[in-house]
Amino acid sequence: MNKTELAKMLESEGIRRDAYDLDGGCPDERYCLGYSGGVWSVYYSERGLQSGKREFAAEDDACEYLLKMLRSDPSARS
């Protein structure tokens, strides 16, 4: 799975768009997917800090992990 496929899946599952960001950075109170230096990362961003950060070599693994996190958080649903 890549970012585009993940975005479509999140939309079809009713995950709120303001619960995540697929472009990295540090948006407030969102699950994030980032890519830098050949490494994919998934983390929760809050007040400029990245918590629970996990790094992955493959985009597919990072996307699957983010999907799992969002599915398990009831507050991420519409």
PDB file of N, CA and C in Angstrom:
ATOM      1  N   MET A   1       0.847  -1.169   0.000  1.00  0.00           N
ATOM      2  CA  MET A   1       0.000   0.000   0.000  1.00  0.00           C
ATOM      3  C   MET A   1       0.897   1.239   0.000  1.00  0.00           C
ATOM      4  N   ASN A   2       0.480   2.252  -0.742  1.00  0.00           N
ATOM      5  CA  ASN A   2       1.215   3.517  -0.741  1.00  0.00           C
ATOM      6  C   ASN A   2       0.325   4.616  -0.156  1.00  0.00           C
ATOM      7  N   LYS A   3       0.849   5.845  -0.096  1.00  0.00           N
ATOM      8  CA  LYS A   3       0.104   6.951   0.503  1.00  0.00           C
ATOM      9  C   LYS A   3      -1.232   7.199  -0.186  1.00  0.00           C
ATOM     10  N   THR A   4      -1.252   7.129  -1.488  1.00  0.00           N
ATOM     11  CA  THR A   4      -2.483   7.371  -2.243  1.00  0.00           C
ATOM     12  C   THR A   4      -3.537   6.329  -1.909  1.00  0.00           C
ATOM     13  N   GLU A   5      -3.128   5.074  -1.885  1.00  0.00           N
ATOM     14  CA  GLU A   5      -4.061   3.994  -1.548  1.00  0.00           C
ATOM     15  C   GLU A   5      -4.537   4.124  -0.104  1.00  0.00           C
ATOM     16  N   LEU A   6      -3.629   4.499   0.794  1.00  0.00           N
ATOM     17  CA  LEU A   6      -3.997   4.680   2.191  1.00  0.00           C
ATOM     18  C   LEU A   6      -5.038   5.787   2.328  1.00  0.00           C
ATOM     19  N   ALA A   7      -4.840   6.903   1.670  1.00  0.00           N
ATOM     20  CA  ALA A   7      -5.785   8.019   1.746  1.00  0.00           C
ATOM     21  C   ALA A   7      -7.182   7.581   1.305  1.00  0.00           C
ATOM     22  N   LYS A   8      -7.260   6.819   0.222  1.00  0.00           N
ATOM     23  CA  LYS A   8      -8.552   6.341  -0.273  1.00  0.00           C
ATOM     24  C   LYS A   8      -9.206   5.404   0.739  1.00  0.00           C
ATOM     25  N   MET A   9      -8.408   4.537   1.342  1.00  0.00           N
ATOM     26  CA  MET A   9      -8.931   3.583   2.314  1.00  0.00           C
ATOM     27  C   MET A   9      -9.444   4.302   3.563  1.00  0.00           C
ATOM     28  N   LEU A  10      -8.693   5.289   4.042  1.00  0.00           N
ATOM     29  CA  LEU A  10      -9.109   6.037   5.229  1.00  0.00           C
ATOM     30  C   LEU A  10     -10.423   6.766   4.969  1.00  0.00           C
ATOM     31  N   GLU A  11     -10.553   7.343   3.791  1.00  0.00           N
ATOM     32  CA  GLU A  11     -11.795   8.035   3.440  1.00  0.00           C
ATOM     33  C   GLU A  11     -12.962   7.058   3.396  1.00  0.00           C
ATOM     34  N   SER A  12     -12.756   5.906   2.766  1.00  0.00           N
ATOM     35  CA  SER A  12     -13.846   4.927   2.641  1.00  0.00           C
ATOM     36  C   SER A  12     -14.246   4.334   3.987  1.00  0.00           C
ATOM     37  N   GLU A  13     -13.322   4.339   4.959  1.00  0.00           N
ATOM     38  CA  GLU A  13     -13.626   3.790   6.282  1.00  0.00           C
ATOM     39  C   GLU A  13     -14.167   4.839   7.250  1.00  0.00           C
ATOM     40  N   GLY A  14     -14.309   6.068   6.785  1.00  0.00           N
ATOM     41  CA  GLY A  14     -14.879   7.106   7.629  1.00  0.00           C
ATOM     42  C   GLY A  14     -13.941   7.674   8.669  1.00  0.00           C
ATOM     43  N   ILE A  15     -12.644   7.612   8.407  1.00  0.00           N
ATOM     44  CA  ILE A  15     -11.665   8.211   9.317  1.00  0.00           C
ATOM     45  C   ILE A  15     -11.648   9.716   9.051  1.00  0.00           C
ATOM     46  N   ARG A  16     -11.799  10.495  10.108  1.00  0.00           N
ATOM     47  CA  ARG A  16     -11.829  11.952   9.971  1.00  0.00           C
ATOM     48  C   ARG A  16     -10.543  12.468   9.335  1.00  0.00           C
ATOM     49  N   ARG A  17     -10.659  13.355   8.387  1.00  0.00           N
ATOM     50  CA  ARG A  17      -9.493  13.914   7.687  1.00  0.00           C
ATOM     51  C   ARG A  17      -8.603  14.718   8.634  1.00  0.00           C
ATOM     52  N   ASP A  18      -9.177  15.296   9.678  1.00  0.00           N
ATOM     53  CA  ASP A  18      -8.366  16.066  10.619  1.00  0.00           C
ATOM     54  C   ASP A  18      -7.715  15.202  11.702  1.00  0.00           C
ATOM     55  N   ALA A  19      -7.832  13.879  11.581  1.00  0.00           N
ATOM     56  CA  ALA A  19      -7.201  12.970  12.538  1.00  0.00           C
ATOM     57  C   ALA A  19      -5.809  12.532  12.082  1.00  0.00           C
ATOM     58  N   TYR A  20      -5.453  12.837  10.842  1.00  0.00           N
ATOM     59  CA  TYR A  20      -4.166  12.375  10.314  1.00  0.00           C
ATOM     60  C   TYR A  20      -3.600  13.353   9.298  1.00  0.00           C
ATOM     61  N   ASP A  21      -2.320  13.183   9.026  1.00  0.00           N
ATOM     62  CA  ASP A  21      -1.628  13.963   7.999  1.00  0.00           C
ATOM     63  C   ASP A  21      -0.645  13.033   7.310  1.00  0.00           C
ATOM     64  N   LEU A  22      -0.693  12.979   6.010  1.00  0.00           N
ATOM     65  CA  LEU A  22       0.175  12.067   5.256  1.00  0.00           C
ATOM     66  C   LEU A  22       1.396  12.758   4.664  1.00  0.00           C
ATOM     67  N   ASP A  23       1.639  14.000   5.070  1.00  0.00           N
ATOM     68  CA  ASP A  23       2.769  14.749   4.532  1.00  0.00           C
ATOM     69  C   ASP A  23       3.827  15.088   5.581  1.00  0.00           C
ATOM     70  N   GLY A  24       3.794  14.420   6.716  1.00  0.00           N
ATOM     71  CA  GLY A  24       4.801  14.649   7.754  1.00  0.00           C
ATOM     72  C   GLY A  24       4.646  15.988   8.438  1.00  0.00           C
ATOM     73  N   GLY A  25       5.727  16.485   8.989  1.00  0.00           N
ATOM     74  CA  GLY A  25       5.675  17.742   9.717  1.00  0.00           C
ATOM     75  C   GLY A  25       5.125  17.533  11.111  1.00  0.00           C
ATOM     76  N   CYS A  26       4.655  18.621  11.700  1.00  0.00           N
ATOM     77  CA  CYS A  26       4.140  18.563  13.065  1.00  0.00           C
ATOM     78  C   CYS A  26       2.803  19.286  13.200  1.00  0.00           C
ATOM     79  N   PRO A  27       1.779  18.868  12.440  1.00  0.00           N
ATOM     80  CA  PRO A  27       0.464  19.477  12.630  1.00  0.00           C
ATOM     81  C   PRO A  27      -0.073  19.091  14.010  1.00  0.00           C
ATOM     82  N   ASP A  28      -0.901  19.923  14.592  1.00  0.00           N
ATOM     83  CA  ASP A  28      -1.365  19.685  15.954  1.00  0.00           C
ATOM     84  C   ASP A  28      -2.381  18.552  16.061  1.00  0.00           C
ATOM     85  N   GLU A  29      -2.128  17.660  17.007  1.00  0.00           N
ATOM     86  CA  GLU A  29      -3.030  16.572  17.378  1.00  0.00           C
ATOM     87  C   GLU A  29      -3.480  15.718  16.202  1.00  0.00           C
ATOM     88  N   ARG A  30      -2.502  15.149  15.517  1.00  0.00           N
ATOM     89  CA  ARG A  30      -2.781  14.255  14.382  1.00  0.00           C
ATOM     90  C   ARG A  30      -1.782  13.103  14.339  1.00  0.00           C
ATOM     91  N   TYR A  31      -2.247  11.994  13.803  1.00  0.00           N
ATOM     92  CA  TYR A  31      -1.345  10.895  13.467  1.00  0.00           C
ATOM     93  C   TYR A  31      -0.691  11.274  12.150  1.00  0.00           C
ATOM     94  N   CYS A  32       0.611  11.040  12.039  1.00  0.00           N
ATOM     95  CA  CYS A  32       1.337  11.495  10.854  1.00  0.00           C
ATOM     96  C   CYS A  32       2.152  10.382  10.210  1.00  0.00           C
ATOM     97  N   LEU A  33       2.274  10.513   8.897  1.00  0.00           N
ATOM     98  CA  LEU A  33       3.147   9.673   8.091  1.00  0.00           C
ATOM     99  C   LEU A  33       4.157  10.611   7.447  1.00  0.00           C
ATOM    100  N   GLY A  34       5.429  10.345   7.660  1.00  0.00           N
ATOM    101  CA  GLY A  34       6.457  11.198   7.083  1.00  0.00           C
ATOM    102  C   GLY A  34       7.512  10.383   6.353  1.00  0.00           C
ATOM    103  N   TYR A  35       8.257  11.049   5.496  1.00  0.00           N
ATOM    104  CA  TYR A  35       9.339  10.395   4.756  1.00  0.00           C
ATOM    105  C   TYR A  35      10.517  11.350   4.702  1.00  0.00           C
ATOM    106  N   SER A  36      11.658  10.887   5.188  1.00  0.00           N
ATOM    107  CA  SER A  36      12.855  11.717   5.186  1.00  0.00           C
ATOM    108  C   SER A  36      14.093  10.823   5.216  1.00  0.00           C
ATOM    109  N   GLY A  37      15.056  11.160   4.400  1.00  0.00           N
ATOM    110  CA  GLY A  37      16.311  10.418   4.386  1.00  0.00           C
ATOM    111  C   GLY A  37      16.172   8.937   4.096  1.00  0.00           C
ATOM    112  N   GLY A  38      15.182   8.583   3.286  1.00  0.00           N
ATOM    113  CA  GLY A  38      14.986   7.185   2.924  1.00  0.00           C
ATOM    114  C   GLY A  38      14.266   6.364   3.981  1.00  0.00           C
ATOM    115  N   VAL A  39      13.723   7.028   5.000  1.00  0.00           N
ATOM    116  CA  VAL A  39      13.040   6.332   6.091  1.00  0.00           C
ATOM    117  C   VAL A  39      11.612   6.869   6.220  1.00  0.00           C
ATOM    118  N   TRP A  40      10.656   5.956   6.346  1.00  0.00           N
ATOM    119  CA  TRP A  40       9.258   6.312   6.590  1.00  0.00           C
ATOM    120  C   TRP A  40       9.033   6.318   8.096  1.00  0.00           C
ATOM    121  N   SER A  41       8.276   7.276   8.588  1.00  0.00           N
ATOM    122  CA  SER A  41       7.991   7.315  10.018  1.00  0.00           C
ATOM    123  C   SER A  41       6.507   7.565  10.254  1.00  0.00           C
ATOM    124  N   VAL A  42       6.027   7.000  11.352  1.00  0.00           N
ATOM    125  CA  VAL A  42       4.651   7.170  11.795  1.00  0.00           C
ATOM    126  C   VAL A  42       4.725   7.617  13.250  1.00  0.00           C
ATOM    127  N   TYR A  43       3.961   8.661  13.583  1.00  0.00           N
ATOM    128  CA  TYR A  43       3.997   9.209  14.937  1.00  0.00           C
ATOM    129  C   TYR A  43       2.735  10.014  15.194  1.00  0.00           C
ATOM    130  N   TYR A  44       2.547  10.375  16.457  1.00  0.00           N
ATOM    131  CA  TYR A  44       1.458  11.274  16.825  1.00  0.00           C
ATOM    132  C   TYR A  44       2.075  12.631  17.095  1.00  0.00           C
ATOM    133  N   SER A  45       1.549  13.655  16.467  1.00  0.00           N
ATOM    134  CA  SER A  45       2.075  15.004  16.609  1.00  0.00           C
ATOM    135  C   SER A  45       1.161  15.825  17.519  1.00  0.00           C
ATOM    136  N   GLU A  46       1.772  16.447  18.516  1.00  0.00           N
ATOM    137  CA  GLU A  46       1.019  17.290  19.434  1.00  0.00           C
ATOM    138  C   GLU A  46       1.928  18.389  19.965  1.00  0.00           C
ATOM    139  N   ARG A  47       1.512  19.627  19.770  1.00  0.00           N
ATOM    140  CA  ARG A  47       2.266  20.800  20.214  1.00  0.00           C
ATOM    141  C   ARG A  47       3.717  20.780  19.728  1.00  0.00           C
ATOM    142  N   GLY A  48       3.901  20.379  18.482  1.00  0.00           N
ATOM    143  CA  GLY A  48       5.224  20.386  17.879  1.00  0.00           C
ATOM    144  C   GLY A  48       6.110  19.211  18.238  1.00  0.00           C
ATOM    145  N   LEU A  49       5.584  18.263  19.013  1.00  0.00           N
ATOM    146  CA  LEU A  49       6.370  17.088  19.417  1.00  0.00           C
ATOM    147  C   LEU A  49       5.853  15.833  18.717  1.00  0.00           C
ATOM    148  N   GLN A  50       6.770  14.926  18.436  1.00  0.00           N
ATOM    149  CA  GLN A  50       6.419  13.652  17.809  1.00  0.00           C
ATOM    150  C   GLN A  50       6.504  12.567  18.881  1.00  0.00           C
ATOM    151  N   SER A  51       5.371  11.957  19.218  1.00  0.00           N
ATOM    152  CA  SER A  51       5.394  10.901  20.228  1.00  0.00           C
ATOM    153  C   SER A  51       5.060   9.553  19.601  1.00  0.00           C
ATOM    154  N   GLY A  52       5.584   8.499  20.207  1.00  0.00           N
ATOM    155  CA  GLY A  52       5.335   7.148  19.724  1.00  0.00           C
ATOM    156  C   GLY A  52       5.895   6.878  18.345  1.00  0.00           C
ATOM    157  N   LYS A  53       6.950   7.558  17.987  1.00  0.00           N
ATOM    158  CA  LYS A  53       7.504   7.466  16.621  1.00  0.00           C
ATOM    159  C   LYS A  53       8.053   6.075  16.326  1.00  0.00           C
ATOM    160  N   ARG A  54       7.632   5.536  15.186  1.00  0.00           N
ATOM    161  CA  ARG A  54       8.151   4.265  14.668  1.00  0.00           C
ATOM    162  C   ARG A  54       8.670   4.511  13.274  1.00  0.00           C
ATOM    163  N   GLU A  55       9.804   3.906  12.946  1.00  0.00           N
ATOM    164  CA  GLU A  55      10.408   4.092  11.626  1.00  0.00           C
ATOM    165  C   GLU A  55      10.370   2.791  10.834  1.00  0.00           C
ATOM    166  N   PHE A  56      10.237   2.948   9.509  1.00  0.00           N
ATOM    167  CA  PHE A  56      10.089   1.808   8.609  1.00  0.00           C
ATOM    168  C   PHE A  56      10.927   2.030   7.361  1.00  0.00           C
ATOM    169  N   ALA A  57      11.461   0.949   6.815  1.00  0.00           N
ATOM    170  CA  ALA A  57      12.220   1.031   5.572  1.00  0.00           C
ATOM    171  C   ALA A  57      11.288   1.070   4.364  1.00  0.00           C
ATOM    172  N   ALA A  58      10.099   0.485   4.502  1.00  0.00           N
ATOM    173  CA  ALA A  58       9.171   0.379   3.368  1.00  0.00           C
ATOM    174  C   ALA A  58       7.913   1.216   3.580  1.00  0.00           C
ATOM    175  N   GLU A  59       7.482   1.894   2.540  1.00  0.00           N
ATOM    176  CA  GLU A  59       6.253   2.692   2.579  1.00  0.00           C
ATOM    177  C   GLU A  59       5.056   1.827   2.962  1.00  0.00           C
ATOM    178  N   ASP A  60       4.983   0.629   2.417  1.00  0.00           N
ATOM    179  CA  ASP A  60       3.878  -0.277   2.692  1.00  0.00           C
ATOM    180  C   ASP A  60       3.756  -0.559   4.189  1.00  0.00           C
ATOM    181  N   ASP A  61       4.873  -0.844   4.844  1.00  0.00           N
ATOM    182  CA  ASP A  61       4.848  -1.152   6.276  1.00  0.00           C
ATOM    183  C   ASP A  61       4.392   0.053   7.091  1.00  0.00           C
ATOM    184  N   ALA A  62       4.863   1.233   6.737  1.00  0.00           N
ATOM    185  CA  ALA A  62       4.470   2.454   7.444  1.00  0.00           C
ATOM    186  C   ALA A  62       2.977   2.728   7.259  1.00  0.00           C
ATOM    187  N   CYS A  63       2.484   2.566   6.044  1.00  0.00           N
ATOM    188  CA  CYS A  63       1.066   2.801   5.770  1.00  0.00           C
ATOM    189  C   CYS A  63       0.184   1.809   6.527  1.00  0.00           C
ATOM    190  N   GLU A  64       0.581   0.562   6.537  1.00  0.00           N
ATOM    191  CA  GLU A  64      -0.173  -0.464   7.270  1.00  0.00           C
ATOM    192  C   GLU A  64      -0.210  -0.147   8.762  1.00  0.00           C
ATOM    193  N   TYR A  65       0.909   0.305   9.310  1.00  0.00           N
ATOM    194  CA  TYR A  65       0.974   0.637  10.728  1.00  0.00           C
ATOM    195  C   TYR A  65       0.078   1.833  11.049  1.00  0.00           C
ATOM    196  N   LEU A  66       0.119   2.863  10.222  1.00  0.00           N
ATOM    197  CA  LEU A  66      -0.733   4.031  10.446  1.00  0.00           C
ATOM    198  C   LEU A  66      -2.205   3.648  10.345  1.00  0.00           C
ATOM    199  N   LEU A  67      -2.555   2.841   9.379  1.00  0.00           N
ATOM    200  CA  LEU A  67      -3.929   2.380   9.226  1.00  0.00           C
ATOM    201  C   LEU A  67      -4.383   1.649  10.491  1.00  0.00           C
ATOM    202  N   LYS A  68      -3.544   0.788  11.010  1.00  0.00           N
ATOM    203  CA  LYS A  68      -3.854   0.046  12.237  1.00  0.00           C
ATOM    204  C   LYS A  68      -4.073   1.003  13.412  1.00  0.00           C
ATOM    205  N   MET A  69      -3.226   2.012  13.535  1.00  0.00           N
ATOM    206  CA  MET A  69      -3.360   2.982  14.621  1.00  0.00           C
ATOM    207  C   MET A  69      -4.676   3.748  14.513  1.00  0.00           C
ATOM    208  N   LEU A  70      -5.003   4.214  13.321  1.00  0.00           N
ATOM    209  CA  LEU A  70      -6.223   4.989  13.133  1.00  0.00           C
ATOM    210  C   LEU A  70      -7.469   4.138  13.340  1.00  0.00           C
ATOM    211  N   ARG A  71      -7.428   2.900  12.894  1.00  0.00           N
ATOM    212  CA  ARG A  71      -8.573   2.009  13.096  1.00  0.00           C
ATOM    213  C   ARG A  71      -8.819   1.741  14.575  1.00  0.00           C
ATOM    214  N   SER A  72      -7.755   1.713  15.369  1.00  0.00           N
ATOM    215  CA  SER A  72      -7.888   1.388  16.794  1.00  0.00           C
ATOM    216  C   SER A  72      -8.247   2.585  17.661  1.00  0.00           C
ATOM    217  N   ASP A  73      -8.276   3.780  17.087  1.00  0.00           N
ATOM    218  CA  ASP A  73      -8.600   4.989  17.854  1.00  0.00           C
ATOM    219  C   ASP A  73     -10.034   5.428  17.530  1.00  0.00           C
ATOM    220  N   PRO A  74     -10.982   5.199  18.447  1.00  0.00           N
ATOM    221  CA  PRO A  74     -12.370   5.553  18.169  1.00  0.00           C
ATOM    222  C   PRO A  74     -12.585   7.050  17.915  1.00  0.00           C
ATOM    223  N   SER A  75     -11.727   7.893  18.443  1.00  0.00           N
ATOM    224  CA  SER A  75     -11.893   9.331  18.237  1.00  0.00           C
ATOM    225  C   SER A  75     -11.535   9.768  16.818  1.00  0.00           C
ATOM    226  N   ALA A  76     -10.937   8.883  16.026  1.00  0.00           N
ATOM    227  CA  ALA A  76     -10.547   9.208  14.659  1.00  0.00           C
ATOM    228  C   ALA A  76     -11.687   9.034  13.671  1.00  0.00           C
ATOM    229  N   ARG A  77     -12.795   8.476  14.131  1.00  0.00           N
ATOM    230  CA  ARG A  77     -13.930   8.225  13.223  1.00  0.00           C
ATOM    231  C   ARG A  77     -14.908   9.395  13.212  1.00  0.00           C
ATOM    232  N   SER A  78     -15.565   9.548  12.090  1.00  0.00           N
ATOM    233  CA  SER A  78     -16.564  10.623  11.944  1.00  0.00           C
ATOM    234  C   SER A  78     -17.772  10.363  12.814  1.00  0.00           C
TER     235      SER A  78
END
